[in-house]
Amino acid sequence: MKVGRPFIGQEQAWQEWLAALSSDRMHHAWLLAGAKGLGKRAFACAAAGELVREPGGRLPDAVAHPDIHILEHLPANDDEAKKKAEGKPFQTKRNITIEQVRTMQHRLVTRPTLGDRRAIIIDPADDMEKSAVNALLKSLEEPPVGTYFLLIAHQPGRLLPTIRSRCRVLRFQSLAPDELDAVVRRDMPQADAAERAAAITASRGSPGVALSFIAQDLGEIHELMLAILHQGDGDFRLRGRLAAEMGARPSRERQLAALELARTVLSAELATASRAGQIKIIAAHSTLTRLSAQAPVYNFDAGLLIMEIGGLLASAAMPRETAR
């Protein structure tokens, strides 16, 4: 089968899935593991479509198919909307809840609607309420016949070992520069050669980061982040420029893209930093990872968030030495 749109750089994972699908011993639970921006959600939807597709039939739309169920973050509730209207901090989404898992489990009591298989996509599986995880474990231990789980995890280490042990793992790899170039040319044909090169360098192998880099026009942001990390910013001048470049009211997409870009900037410096520098970089990267995990759920003040990003980069700043 020809590898489809979502799978540049992930052909091995796709072929492993197809091989399992055509075998007599299809595993009931799969863990799609890898960093953000590698196409795990698109892969899961296409994989679920292949699972429920009738022989010779068209690949169905995973979102609309009655035998494909997606568990994901819930939108904010009415109380959160009231907080937003009052200008107070609020959640934009909530973690996957036990109620969602129980609703899914009630569906599993009945047979699939159109065929003899159904797919459950959980995105992200590493961001569930504890009670929801415990409830999910019961379904993974005793899965109904014909039911298959696709768990998406950016940080699989956060999942319970008992969850991971019941899943077959598909690991998503960072893309090579030529693969990234193919993705950017396909999805951002308007980008010129300089924009593509900058995005590929900044992305550290993540097509999601590369595409956000271009879509959110983060070239100058990238340069300022590098300047803070290499020079320090004792007088806050560079952080002020960073905030100004982000804009007074940056979109959530721009904020998320800046968070991911800051993480990749730190990752790129790790190999050549001194031992003392590596410790600082790892500490700053850890905090950025936590913020990145929280950002889709909580509404951060945009100005404070970008100053926090700048502060973390400044905290890791020191003269770079080649690691021995």
C-alpha atoms as a PDB file:
ATOM      1  CA  MET A   1       0.000   0.000   0.000  1.00  0.00           C
ATOM      2  CA  LYS A   2       1.261   3.470  -0.807  1.00  0.00           C
ATOM      3  CA  VAL A   3       2.184   5.492   2.281  1.00  0.00           C
ATOM      4  CA  GLY A   4      -0.219   8.409   2.644  1.00  0.00           C
ATOM      5  CA  ARG A   5      -0.029  12.074   3.475  1.00  0.00           C
ATOM      6  CA  PRO A   6       0.698  11.979   7.232  1.00  0.00           C
ATOM      7  CA  PHE A   7       3.619   9.591   7.084  1.00  0.00           C
ATOM      8  CA  ILE A   8       6.698  11.247   5.645  1.00  0.00           C
ATOM      9  CA  GLY A   9       9.468   9.989   7.910  1.00  0.00           C
ATOM     10  CA  GLN A  10       7.185   7.471   9.657  1.00  0.00           C
ATOM     11  CA  GLU A  11       6.971   4.850   6.923  1.00  0.00           C
ATOM     12  CA  GLN A  12       8.377   2.106   9.155  1.00  0.00           C
ATOM     13  CA  ALA A  13       5.649   2.647  11.775  1.00  0.00           C
ATOM     14  CA  TRP A  14       2.967   2.670   9.072  1.00  0.00           C
ATOM     15  CA  GLN A  15       4.212  -0.534   7.481  1.00  0.00           C
ATOM     16  CA  GLU A  16       4.361  -2.196  10.917  1.00  0.00           C
ATOM     17  CA  TRP A  17       0.729  -1.220  11.495  1.00  0.00           C
ATOM     18  CA  LEU A  18      -0.379  -2.510   8.086  1.00  0.00           C
ATOM     19  CA  ALA A  19       1.485  -5.782   8.607  1.00  0.00           C
ATOM     20  CA  ALA A  20      -0.202  -6.297  11.967  1.00  0.00           C
ATOM     21  CA  LEU A  21      -3.583  -5.403  10.487  1.00  0.00           C
ATOM     22  CA  SER A  22      -3.269  -8.093   7.842  1.00  0.00           C
ATOM     23  CA  SER A  23      -2.142 -10.758  10.306  1.00  0.00           C
ATOM     24  CA  ASP A  24      -4.251 -13.145  12.353  1.00  0.00           C
ATOM     25  CA  ARG A  25      -2.815 -11.862  15.639  1.00  0.00           C
ATOM     26  CA  MET A  26      -3.602  -8.154  15.670  1.00  0.00           C
ATOM     27  CA  HIS A  27      -2.674  -6.641  19.056  1.00  0.00           C
ATOM     28  CA  HIS A  28      -5.582  -4.903  20.806  1.00  0.00           C
ATOM     29  CA  ALA A  29      -3.702  -1.836  22.154  1.00  0.00           C
ATOM     30  CA  TRP A  30      -1.122   0.389  20.507  1.00  0.00           C
ATOM     31  CA  LEU A  31       0.948   3.211  21.968  1.00  0.00           C
ATOM     32  CA  LEU A  32       1.968   5.943  19.513  1.00  0.00           C
ATOM     33  CA  ALA A  33       4.962   7.471  21.260  1.00  0.00           C
ATOM     34  CA  GLY A  34       7.046  10.461  20.272  1.00  0.00           C
ATOM     35  CA  ALA A  35       7.547  14.191  20.622  1.00  0.00           C
ATOM     36  CA  LYS A  36       4.884  16.705  19.680  1.00  0.00           C
ATOM     37  CA  GLY A  37       4.569  17.640  16.052  1.00  0.00           C
ATOM     38  CA  LEU A  38       5.510  14.277  14.504  1.00  0.00           C
ATOM     39  CA  GLY A  39       2.042  13.456  13.127  1.00  0.00           C
ATOM     40  CA  LYS A  40       0.789  10.926  15.687  1.00  0.00           C
ATOM     41  CA  ARG A  41      -2.823  12.157  15.614  1.00  0.00           C
ATOM     42  CA  ALA A  42      -3.042  12.038  11.820  1.00  0.00           C
ATOM     43  CA  PHE A  43      -1.449   8.595  11.895  1.00  0.00           C
ATOM     44  CA  ALA A  44      -3.945   7.351  14.509  1.00  0.00           C
ATOM     45  CA  CYS A  45      -6.924   8.594  12.491  1.00  0.00           C
ATOM     46  CA  ALA A  46      -5.673   6.960   9.294  1.00  0.00           C
ATOM     47  CA  ALA A  47      -4.816   3.745  11.154  1.00  0.00           C
ATOM     48  CA  ALA A  48      -8.312   3.646  12.684  1.00  0.00           C
ATOM     49  CA  GLY A  49      -9.780   4.233   9.244  1.00  0.00           C
ATOM     50  CA  GLU A  50      -7.870   1.255   7.844  1.00  0.00           C
ATOM     51  CA  LEU A  51      -9.065  -0.824  10.779  1.00  0.00           C
ATOM     52  CA  VAL A  52     -12.781  -0.269  10.162  1.00  0.00           C
ATOM     53  CA  ARG A  53     -12.670   0.061   6.386  1.00  0.00           C
ATOM     54  CA  GLU A  54     -14.763  -2.489   4.523  1.00  0.00           C
ATOM     55  CA  PRO A  55     -12.845  -4.574   1.946  1.00  0.00           C
ATOM     56  CA  GLY A  56     -12.521  -2.526  -1.213  1.00  0.00           C
ATOM     57  CA  GLY A  57     -14.152   0.470   0.432  1.00  0.00           C
ATOM     58  CA  ARG A  58     -12.928   4.051   0.668  1.00  0.00           C
ATOM     59  CA  LEU A  59     -10.889   5.173   3.655  1.00  0.00           C
ATOM     60  CA  PRO A  60     -13.491   6.626   6.068  1.00  0.00           C
ATOM     61  CA  ASP A  61     -13.335   9.929   7.896  1.00  0.00           C
ATOM     62  CA  ALA A  62     -12.211   9.022  11.427  1.00  0.00           C
ATOM     63  CA  VAL A  63     -14.057  11.958  13.002  1.00  0.00           C
ATOM     64  CA  ALA A  64     -17.415  11.015  11.457  1.00  0.00           C
ATOM     65  CA  HIS A  65     -17.286   7.210  11.497  1.00  0.00           C
ATOM     66  CA  PRO A  66     -19.608   5.638  14.122  1.00  0.00           C
ATOM     67  CA  ASP A  67     -17.075   2.920  15.003  1.00  0.00           C
ATOM     68  CA  ILE A  68     -14.183   5.289  15.627  1.00  0.00           C
ATOM     69  CA  HIS A  69     -14.300   7.062  18.990  1.00  0.00           C
ATOM     70  CA  ILE A  70     -11.866   9.806  19.981  1.00  0.00           C
ATOM     71  CA  LEU A  71     -11.260  10.704  23.623  1.00  0.00           C
ATOM     72  CA  GLU A  72      -9.609  14.113  23.910  1.00  0.00           C
ATOM     73  CA  HIS A  73      -9.536  17.240  26.053  1.00  0.00           C
ATOM     74  CA  LEU A  74     -12.990  18.575  26.847  1.00  0.00           C
ATOM     75  CA  PRO A  75     -13.717  22.271  26.254  1.00  0.00           C
ATOM     76  CA  ALA A  76     -13.999  24.560  29.259  1.00  0.00           C
ATOM     77  CA  ASN A  77     -17.247  24.403  31.209  1.00  0.00           C
ATOM     78  CA  ASP A  78     -19.681  27.231  31.985  1.00  0.00           C
ATOM     79  CA  ASP A  79     -17.819  28.247  35.170  1.00  0.00           C
ATOM     80  CA  GLU A  80     -14.632  28.682  33.181  1.00  0.00           C
ATOM     81  CA  ALA A  81     -16.459  30.738  30.555  1.00  0.00           C
ATOM     82  CA  LYS A  82     -17.690  33.007  33.353  1.00  0.00           C
ATOM     83  CA  LYS A  83     -14.119  33.439  34.617  1.00  0.00           C
ATOM     84  CA  LYS A  84     -13.042  34.354  31.098  1.00  0.00           C
ATOM     85  CA  ALA A  85     -15.772  37.003  30.873  1.00  0.00           C
ATOM     86  CA  GLU A  86     -14.625  38.426  34.237  1.00  0.00           C
ATOM     87  CA  GLY A  87     -10.998  38.551  33.114  1.00  0.00           C
ATOM     88  CA  LYS A  88      -9.880  35.902  35.619  1.00  0.00           C
ATOM     89  CA  PRO A  89      -7.488  32.997  34.923  1.00  0.00           C
ATOM     90  CA  PHE A  90      -9.370  30.110  33.385  1.00  0.00           C
ATOM     91  CA  GLN A  91      -8.920  26.696  31.842  1.00  0.00           C
ATOM     92  CA  THR A  92      -9.470  26.460  28.104  1.00  0.00           C
ATOM     93  CA  LYS A  93      -9.815  22.677  28.256  1.00  0.00           C
ATOM     94  CA  ARG A  94      -9.937  19.930  30.855  1.00  0.00           C
ATOM     95  CA  ASN A  95      -7.959  16.727  31.116  1.00  0.00           C
ATOM     96  CA  ILE A  96      -9.576  13.538  29.820  1.00  0.00           C
ATOM     97  CA  THR A  97     -11.975  12.540  32.567  1.00  0.00           C
ATOM     98  CA  ILE A  98     -13.301   9.317  34.051  1.00  0.00           C
ATOM     99  CA  GLU A  99     -16.742  10.266  32.730  1.00  0.00           C
ATOM    100  CA  GLN A 100     -15.363  10.183  29.178  1.00  0.00           C
ATOM    101  CA  VAL A 101     -13.783   6.791  29.767  1.00  0.00           C
ATOM    102  CA  ARG A 102     -16.990   5.403  31.283  1.00  0.00           C
ATOM    103  CA  THR A 103     -19.037   6.703  28.342  1.00  0.00           C
ATOM    104  CA  MET A 104     -16.615   4.924  26.036  1.00  0.00           C
ATOM    105  CA  GLN A 105     -16.912   1.729  28.085  1.00  0.00           C
ATOM    106  CA  HIS A 106     -20.716   1.808  27.837  1.00  0.00           C
ATOM    107  CA  ARG A 107     -20.377   1.902  24.051  1.00  0.00           C
ATOM    108  CA  LEU A 108     -18.148  -1.151  24.138  1.00  0.00           C
ATOM    109  CA  VAL A 109     -20.992  -3.255  25.548  1.00  0.00           C
ATOM    110  CA  THR A 110     -22.766  -3.145  22.177  1.00  0.00           C
ATOM    111  CA  ARG A 111     -21.468  -4.436  18.859  1.00  0.00           C
ATOM    112  CA  PRO A 112     -19.816  -2.099  16.344  1.00  0.00           C
ATOM    113  CA  THR A 113     -22.325  -0.271  14.176  1.00  0.00           C
ATOM    114  CA  LEU A 114     -21.147  -0.986  10.637  1.00  0.00           C
ATOM    115  CA  GLY A 115     -18.725  -3.883  10.830  1.00  0.00           C
ATOM    116  CA  ASP A 116     -17.023  -6.150  13.331  1.00  0.00           C
ATOM    117  CA  ARG A 117     -14.285  -3.757  14.470  1.00  0.00           C
ATOM    118  CA  ARG A 118     -14.083  -0.460  16.314  1.00  0.00           C
ATOM    119  CA  ALA A 119     -11.205   1.850  17.196  1.00  0.00           C
ATOM    120  CA  ILE A 120     -10.700   4.004  20.285  1.00  0.00           C
ATOM    121  CA  ILE A 121      -8.231   6.888  19.922  1.00  0.00           C
ATOM    122  CA  ILE A 122      -7.061   8.557  23.149  1.00  0.00           C
ATOM    123  CA  ASP A 123      -5.229  11.840  22.613  1.00  0.00           C
ATOM    124  CA  PRO A 124      -3.287  12.526  24.728  1.00  0.00           C
ATOM    125  CA  ALA A 125      -3.238   9.369  26.826  1.00  0.00           C
ATOM    126  CA  ASP A 126      -0.522  10.847  29.039  1.00  0.00           C
ATOM    127  CA  ASP A 127      -2.861  13.654  30.117  1.00  0.00           C
ATOM    128  CA  MET A 128      -5.728  11.857  31.846  1.00  0.00           C
ATOM    129  CA  GLU A 129      -7.218  12.115  35.302  1.00  0.00           C
ATOM    130  CA  LYS A 130      -5.873   9.408  37.616  1.00  0.00           C
ATOM    131  CA  SER A 131      -9.327   7.868  37.987  1.00  0.00           C
ATOM    132  CA  ALA A 132      -9.676   7.821  34.189  1.00  0.00           C
ATOM    133  CA  VAL A 133      -6.370   5.968  33.846  1.00  0.00           C
ATOM    134  CA  ASN A 134      -7.482   3.332  36.349  1.00  0.00           C
ATOM    135  CA  ALA A 135     -10.778   2.885  34.519  1.00  0.00           C
ATOM    136  CA  LEU A 136      -9.001   2.605  31.160  1.00  0.00           C
ATOM    137  CA  LEU A 137      -6.726  -0.090  32.538  1.00  0.00           C
ATOM    138  CA  LYS A 138      -9.728  -2.361  33.080  1.00  0.00           C
ATOM    139  CA  SER A 139     -10.664  -2.066  29.399  1.00  0.00           C
ATOM    140  CA  LEU A 140      -7.103  -2.796  28.307  1.00  0.00           C
ATOM    141  CA  GLU A 141      -6.964  -5.859  30.550  1.00  0.00           C
ATOM    142  CA  GLU A 142     -10.214  -7.322  29.188  1.00  0.00           C
ATOM    143  CA  PRO A 143     -10.819  -5.725  25.775  1.00  0.00           C
ATOM    144  CA  PRO A 144     -14.058  -6.600  23.977  1.00  0.00           C
ATOM    145  CA  VAL A 145     -13.613  -8.662  20.834  1.00  0.00           C
ATOM    146  CA  GLY A 146     -13.042  -6.432  17.815  1.00  0.00           C
ATOM    147  CA  THR A 147     -12.068  -3.347  19.850  1.00  0.00           C
ATOM    148  CA  TYR A 148      -8.656  -1.765  19.323  1.00  0.00           C
ATOM    149  CA  PHE A 149      -7.060   1.088  21.248  1.00  0.00           C
ATOM    150  CA  LEU A 150      -4.689   3.723  19.846  1.00  0.00           C
ATOM    151  CA  LEU A 151      -3.080   5.715  22.672  1.00  0.00           C
ATOM    152  CA  ILE A 152      -1.159   8.867  21.733  1.00  0.00           C
ATOM    153  CA  ALA A 153       1.563   9.968  24.150  1.00  0.00           C
ATOM    154  CA  HIS A 154       4.079  12.811  23.848  1.00  0.00           C
ATOM    155  CA  GLN A 155       5.708  11.706  27.110  1.00  0.00           C
ATOM    156  CA  PRO A 156       5.051   7.945  27.391  1.00  0.00           C
ATOM    157  CA  GLY A 157       7.042   7.794  30.631  1.00  0.00           C
ATOM    158  CA  ARG A 158       4.119   9.557  32.327  1.00  0.00           C
ATOM    159  CA  LEU A 159       1.866   6.592  31.640  1.00  0.00           C
ATOM    160  CA  LEU A 160       1.506   3.857  34.236  1.00  0.00           C
ATOM    161  CA  PRO A 161       3.801   0.892  33.544  1.00  0.00           C
ATOM    162  CA  THR A 162       0.703  -1.317  33.614  1.00  0.00           C
ATOM    163  CA  ILE A 163      -0.736   0.725  30.721  1.00  0.00           C
ATOM    164  CA  ARG A 164       2.491   0.656  28.711  1.00  0.00           C
ATOM    165  CA  SER A 165       2.953  -3.087  29.241  1.00  0.00           C
ATOM    166  CA  ARG A 166      -0.398  -3.813  27.591  1.00  0.00           C
ATOM    167  CA  CYS A 167       0.426  -1.838  24.463  1.00  0.00           C
ATOM    168  CA  ARG A 168       2.488  -2.522  21.398  1.00  0.00           C
ATOM    169  CA  VAL A 169       4.639   0.552  20.875  1.00  0.00           C
ATOM    170  CA  LEU A 170       5.050   2.487  17.631  1.00  0.00           C
ATOM    171  CA  ARG A 171       7.859   5.002  18.051  1.00  0.00           C
ATOM    172  CA  PHE A 172       7.715   8.173  15.982  1.00  0.00           C
ATOM    173  CA  GLN A 173      11.073   9.481  14.836  1.00  0.00           C
ATOM    174  CA  SER A 174      12.368  12.983  14.185  1.00  0.00           C
ATOM    175  CA  LEU A 175      12.619  13.714  10.471  1.00  0.00           C
ATOM    176  CA  ALA A 176      15.798  14.168   8.480  1.00  0.00           C
ATOM    177  CA  PRO A 177      16.326  17.585   6.824  1.00  0.00           C
ATOM    178  CA  ASP A 178      15.320  16.315   3.364  1.00  0.00           C
ATOM    179  CA  GLU A 179      12.133  14.794   4.803  1.00  0.00           C
ATOM    180  CA  LEU A 180      11.322  18.051   6.597  1.00  0.00           C
ATOM    181  CA  ASP A 181      11.913  19.957   3.380  1.00  0.00           C
ATOM    182  CA  ALA A 182       9.429  17.669   1.618  1.00  0.00           C
ATOM    183  CA  VAL A 183       6.812  18.302   4.322  1.00  0.00           C
ATOM    184  CA  VAL A 184       7.310  22.078   4.256  1.00  0.00           C
ATOM    185  CA  ARG A 185       7.219  22.215   0.446  1.00  0.00           C
ATOM    186  CA  ARG A 186       4.003  20.182   0.484  1.00  0.00           C
ATOM    187  CA  ASP A 187       2.167  22.031   3.264  1.00  0.00           C
ATOM    188  CA  MET A 188       3.691  25.530   2.974  1.00  0.00           C
ATOM    189  CA  PRO A 189       4.333  25.958  -0.769  1.00  0.00           C
ATOM    190  CA  GLN A 190       4.395  29.736  -0.359  1.00  0.00           C
ATOM    191  CA  ALA A 191       7.540  29.605   1.822  1.00  0.00           C
ATOM    192  CA  ASP A 192      10.745  30.613   0.055  1.00  0.00           C
ATOM    193  CA  ALA A 193      14.069  28.783   0.354  1.00  0.00           C
ATOM    194  CA  ALA A 194      15.329  30.976   3.213  1.00  0.00           C
ATOM    195  CA  GLU A 195      12.153  30.455   5.255  1.00  0.00           C
ATOM    196  CA  ARG A 196      12.291  26.698   4.691  1.00  0.00           C
ATOM    197  CA  ALA A 197      15.941  26.532   5.711  1.00  0.00           C
ATOM    198  CA  ALA A 198      15.344  28.555   8.889  1.00  0.00           C
ATOM    199  CA  ALA A 199      12.309  26.472   9.822  1.00  0.00           C
ATOM    200  CA  ILE A 200      14.150  23.185   9.261  1.00  0.00           C
ATOM    201  CA  THR A 201      17.121  24.324  11.348  1.00  0.00           C
ATOM    202  CA  ALA A 202      14.904  25.531  14.188  1.00  0.00           C
ATOM    203  CA  SER A 203      12.615  22.493  14.219  1.00  0.00           C
ATOM    204  CA  ARG A 204      15.110  19.823  15.338  1.00  0.00           C
ATOM    205  CA  GLY A 205      13.339  17.237  13.208  1.00  0.00           C
ATOM    206  CA  SER A 206       9.737  18.104  14.112  1.00  0.00           C
ATOM    207  CA  PRO A 207       7.501  18.888  11.116  1.00  0.00           C
ATOM    208  CA  GLY A 208       4.925  20.443  13.457  1.00  0.00           C
ATOM    209  CA  VAL A 209       7.508  22.901  14.781  1.00  0.00           C
ATOM    210  CA  ALA A 210       8.771  23.646  11.265  1.00  0.00           C
ATOM    211  CA  LEU A 211       5.297  24.389   9.934  1.00  0.00           C
ATOM    212  CA  SER A 212       4.408  26.517  12.987  1.00  0.00           C
ATOM    213  CA  PHE A 213       7.678  28.414  12.569  1.00  0.00           C
ATOM    214  CA  ILE A 214       6.584  29.551   9.112  1.00  0.00           C
ATOM    215  CA  ALA A 215       2.869  29.944   9.844  1.00  0.00           C
ATOM    216  CA  GLN A 216       3.530  32.069  12.940  1.00  0.00           C
ATOM    217  CA  ASP A 217       6.450  34.012  11.389  1.00  0.00           C
ATOM    218  CA  LEU A 218       8.909  33.129  14.165  1.00  0.00           C
ATOM    219  CA  GLY A 219      12.169  33.973  12.405  1.00  0.00           C
ATOM    220  CA  GLU A 220      12.922  37.058  14.512  1.00  0.00           C
ATOM    221  CA  ILE A 221      11.654  35.308  17.649  1.00  0.00           C
ATOM    222  CA  HIS A 222      14.158  32.519  16.985  1.00  0.00           C
ATOM    223  CA  GLU A 223      17.031  34.970  16.631  1.00  0.00           C
ATOM    224  CA  LEU A 224      16.107  36.708  19.883  1.00  0.00           C
ATOM    225  CA  MET A 225      15.866  33.403  21.739  1.00  0.00           C
ATOM    226  CA  LEU A 226      19.334  32.455  20.527  1.00  0.00           C
ATOM    227  CA  ALA A 227      20.671  35.860  21.542  1.00  0.00           C
ATOM    228  CA  ILE A 228      19.295  35.514  25.081  1.00  0.00           C
ATOM    229  CA  LEU A 229      20.719  32.022  25.432  1.00  0.00           C
ATOM    230  CA  HIS A 230      24.166  32.941  24.099  1.00  0.00           C
ATOM    231  CA  GLN A 231      24.564  36.415  25.583  1.00  0.00           C
ATOM    232  CA  GLY A 232      22.422  36.448  28.719  1.00  0.00           C
ATOM    233  CA  ASP A 233      20.001  39.280  29.382  1.00  0.00           C
ATOM    234  CA  GLY A 234      20.853  40.949  32.673  1.00  0.00           C
ATOM    235  CA  ASP A 235      19.171  44.220  31.719  1.00  0.00           C
ATOM    236  CA  PHE A 236      15.995  42.562  30.318  1.00  0.00           C
ATOM    237  CA  ARG A 237      16.532  44.387  27.033  1.00  0.00           C
ATOM    238  CA  LEU A 238      16.352  41.272  24.877  1.00  0.00           C
ATOM    239  CA  ARG A 239      13.349  39.944  26.771  1.00  0.00           C
ATOM    240  CA  GLY A 240      11.596  43.237  26.151  1.00  0.00           C
ATOM    241  CA  ARG A 241      12.303  42.926  22.440  1.00  0.00           C
ATOM    242  CA  LEU A 242      11.065  39.344  22.544  1.00  0.00           C
ATOM    243  CA  ALA A 243       7.765  40.435  24.103  1.00  0.00           C
ATOM    244  CA  ALA A 244       7.414  43.253  21.579  1.00  0.00           C
ATOM    245  CA  GLU A 245       8.085  40.898  18.670  1.00  0.00           C
ATOM    246  CA  MET A 246       5.450  38.453  19.954  1.00  0.00           C
ATOM    247  CA  GLY A 247       2.884  41.258  19.886  1.00  0.00           C
ATOM    248  CA  ALA A 248       0.469  42.677  22.436  1.00  0.00           C
ATOM    249  CA  ARG A 249      -2.151  39.968  21.873  1.00  0.00           C
ATOM    250  CA  PRO A 250      -0.525  36.930  20.303  1.00  0.00           C
ATOM    251  CA  SER A 251      -2.843  34.083  19.370  1.00  0.00           C
ATOM    252  CA  ARG A 252      -2.762  30.863  21.362  1.00  0.00           C
ATOM    253  CA  GLU A 253      -1.233  29.190  18.316  1.00  0.00           C
ATOM    254  CA  ARG A 254       1.614  31.714  18.331  1.00  0.00           C
ATOM    255  CA  GLN A 255       2.154  31.223  22.068  1.00  0.00           C
ATOM    256  CA  LEU A 256       2.250  27.425  21.703  1.00  0.00           C
ATOM    257  CA  ALA A 257       4.613  27.707  18.749  1.00  0.00           C
ATOM    258  CA  ALA A 258       6.943  29.955  20.765  1.00  0.00           C
ATOM    259  CA  LEU A 259       6.975  27.454  23.641  1.00  0.00           C
ATOM    260  CA  GLU A 260       7.893  24.591  21.337  1.00  0.00           C
ATOM    261  CA  LEU A 261      10.521  26.707  19.604  1.00  0.00           C
ATOM    262  CA  ALA A 262      12.154  27.589  22.939  1.00  0.00           C
ATOM    263  CA  ARG A 263      12.365  23.898  23.803  1.00  0.00           C
ATOM    264  CA  THR A 264      14.025  23.064  20.502  1.00  0.00           C
ATOM    265  CA  VAL A 265      16.476  25.970  20.922  1.00  0.00           C
ATOM    266  CA  LEU A 266      17.561  24.560  24.285  1.00  0.00           C
ATOM    267  CA  SER A 267      17.773  21.001  22.946  1.00  0.00           C
ATOM    268  CA  ALA A 268      20.048  22.136  20.134  1.00  0.00           C
ATOM    269  CA  GLU A 269      22.526  23.657  22.621  1.00  0.00           C
ATOM    270  CA  LEU A 270      22.762  20.644  24.915  1.00  0.00           C
ATOM    271  CA  ALA A 271      25.379  18.633  23.018  1.00  0.00           C
ATOM    272  CA  THR A 272      27.966  21.442  22.878  1.00  0.00           C
ATOM    273  CA  ALA A 273      27.424  22.941  26.336  1.00  0.00           C
ATOM    274  CA  SER A 274      29.783  22.447  29.257  1.00  0.00           C
ATOM    275  CA  ARG A 275      28.693  20.178  32.102  1.00  0.00           C
ATOM    276  CA  ALA A 276      27.538  23.188  34.130  1.00  0.00           C
ATOM    277  CA  GLY A 277      25.724  24.525  31.077  1.00  0.00           C
ATOM    278  CA  GLN A 278      23.989  21.213  30.466  1.00  0.00           C
ATOM    279  CA  ILE A 279      22.591  21.221  34.003  1.00  0.00           C
ATOM    280  CA  LYS A 280      21.126  24.686  33.473  1.00  0.00           C
ATOM    281  CA  ILE A 281      19.737  23.788  30.055  1.00  0.00           C
ATOM    282  CA  ILE A 282      18.082  20.620  31.357  1.00  0.00           C
ATOM    283  CA  ALA A 283      16.474  22.550  34.238  1.00  0.00           C
ATOM    284  CA  ALA A 284      15.124  25.240  31.902  1.00  0.00           C
ATOM    285  CA  HIS A 285      13.965  22.664  29.363  1.00  0.00           C
ATOM    286  CA  SER A 286      12.126  20.733  32.090  1.00  0.00           C
ATOM    287  CA  THR A 287      10.179  23.833  33.107  1.00  0.00           C
ATOM    288  CA  LEU A 288       9.355  24.638  29.477  1.00  0.00           C
ATOM    289  CA  THR A 289       8.122  21.066  29.001  1.00  0.00           C
ATOM    290  CA  ARG A 290       5.787  21.493  31.964  1.00  0.00           C
ATOM    291  CA  LEU A 291       4.499  24.792  30.580  1.00  0.00           C
ATOM    292  CA  SER A 292       4.063  23.235  27.144  1.00  0.00           C
ATOM    293  CA  ALA A 293       1.964  20.440  28.654  1.00  0.00           C
ATOM    294  CA  GLN A 294      -0.186  22.941  30.558  1.00  0.00           C
ATOM    295  CA  ALA A 295      -0.563  25.479  27.747  1.00  0.00           C
ATOM    296  CA  PRO A 296      -3.298  23.658  25.792  1.00  0.00           C
ATOM    297  CA  VAL A 297      -5.354  23.438  28.984  1.00  0.00           C
ATOM    298  CA  TYR A 298      -4.769  26.699  30.834  1.00  0.00           C
ATOM    299  CA  ASN A 299      -5.114  30.265  29.623  1.00  0.00           C
ATOM    300  CA  PHE A 300      -1.789  31.907  30.400  1.00  0.00           C
ATOM    301  CA  ASP A 301      -1.337  35.659  30.356  1.00  0.00           C
ATOM    302  CA  ALA A 302       0.505  36.115  27.049  1.00  0.00           C
ATOM    303  CA  GLY A 303       2.878  38.786  28.336  1.00  0.00           C
ATOM    304  CA  LEU A 304       3.832  36.833  31.433  1.00  0.00           C
ATOM    305  CA  LEU A 305       4.293  33.654  29.412  1.00  0.00           C
ATOM    306  CA  ILE A 306       6.755  35.179  26.967  1.00  0.00           C
ATOM    307  CA  MET A 307       8.694  36.820  29.801  1.00  0.00           C
ATOM    308  CA  GLU A 308       8.810  33.411  31.517  1.00  0.00           C
ATOM    309  CA  ILE A 309      10.174  31.869  28.332  1.00  0.00           C
ATOM    310  CA  GLY A 310      12.778  34.616  28.073  1.00  0.00           C
ATOM    311  CA  GLY A 311      13.667  34.218  31.742  1.00  0.00           C
ATOM    312  CA  LEU A 312      14.197  30.470  31.366  1.00  0.00           C
ATOM    313  CA  LEU A 313      16.438  31.002  28.359  1.00  0.00           C
ATOM    314  CA  ALA A 314      18.390  33.627  30.317  1.00  0.00           C
ATOM    315  CA  SER A 315      18.733  31.256  33.282  1.00  0.00           C
ATOM    316  CA  ALA A 316      20.459  28.744  30.990  1.00  0.00           C
ATOM    317  CA  ALA A 317      22.728  31.348  29.407  1.00  0.00           C
ATOM    318  CA  MET A 318      26.486  31.048  29.936  1.00  0.00           C
ATOM    319  CA  PRO A 319      29.600  31.006  27.747  1.00  0.00           C
ATOM    320  CA  ARG A 320      29.421  27.878  25.652  1.00  0.00           C
ATOM    321  CA  GLU A 321      32.277  25.392  25.720  1.00  0.00           C
ATOM    322  CA  THR A 322      32.642  22.279  23.684  1.00  0.00           C
ATOM    323  CA  ALA A 323      31.594  19.344  25.848  1.00  0.00           C
ATOM    324  CA  ARG A 324      34.482  17.043  26.666  1.00  0.00           C
END
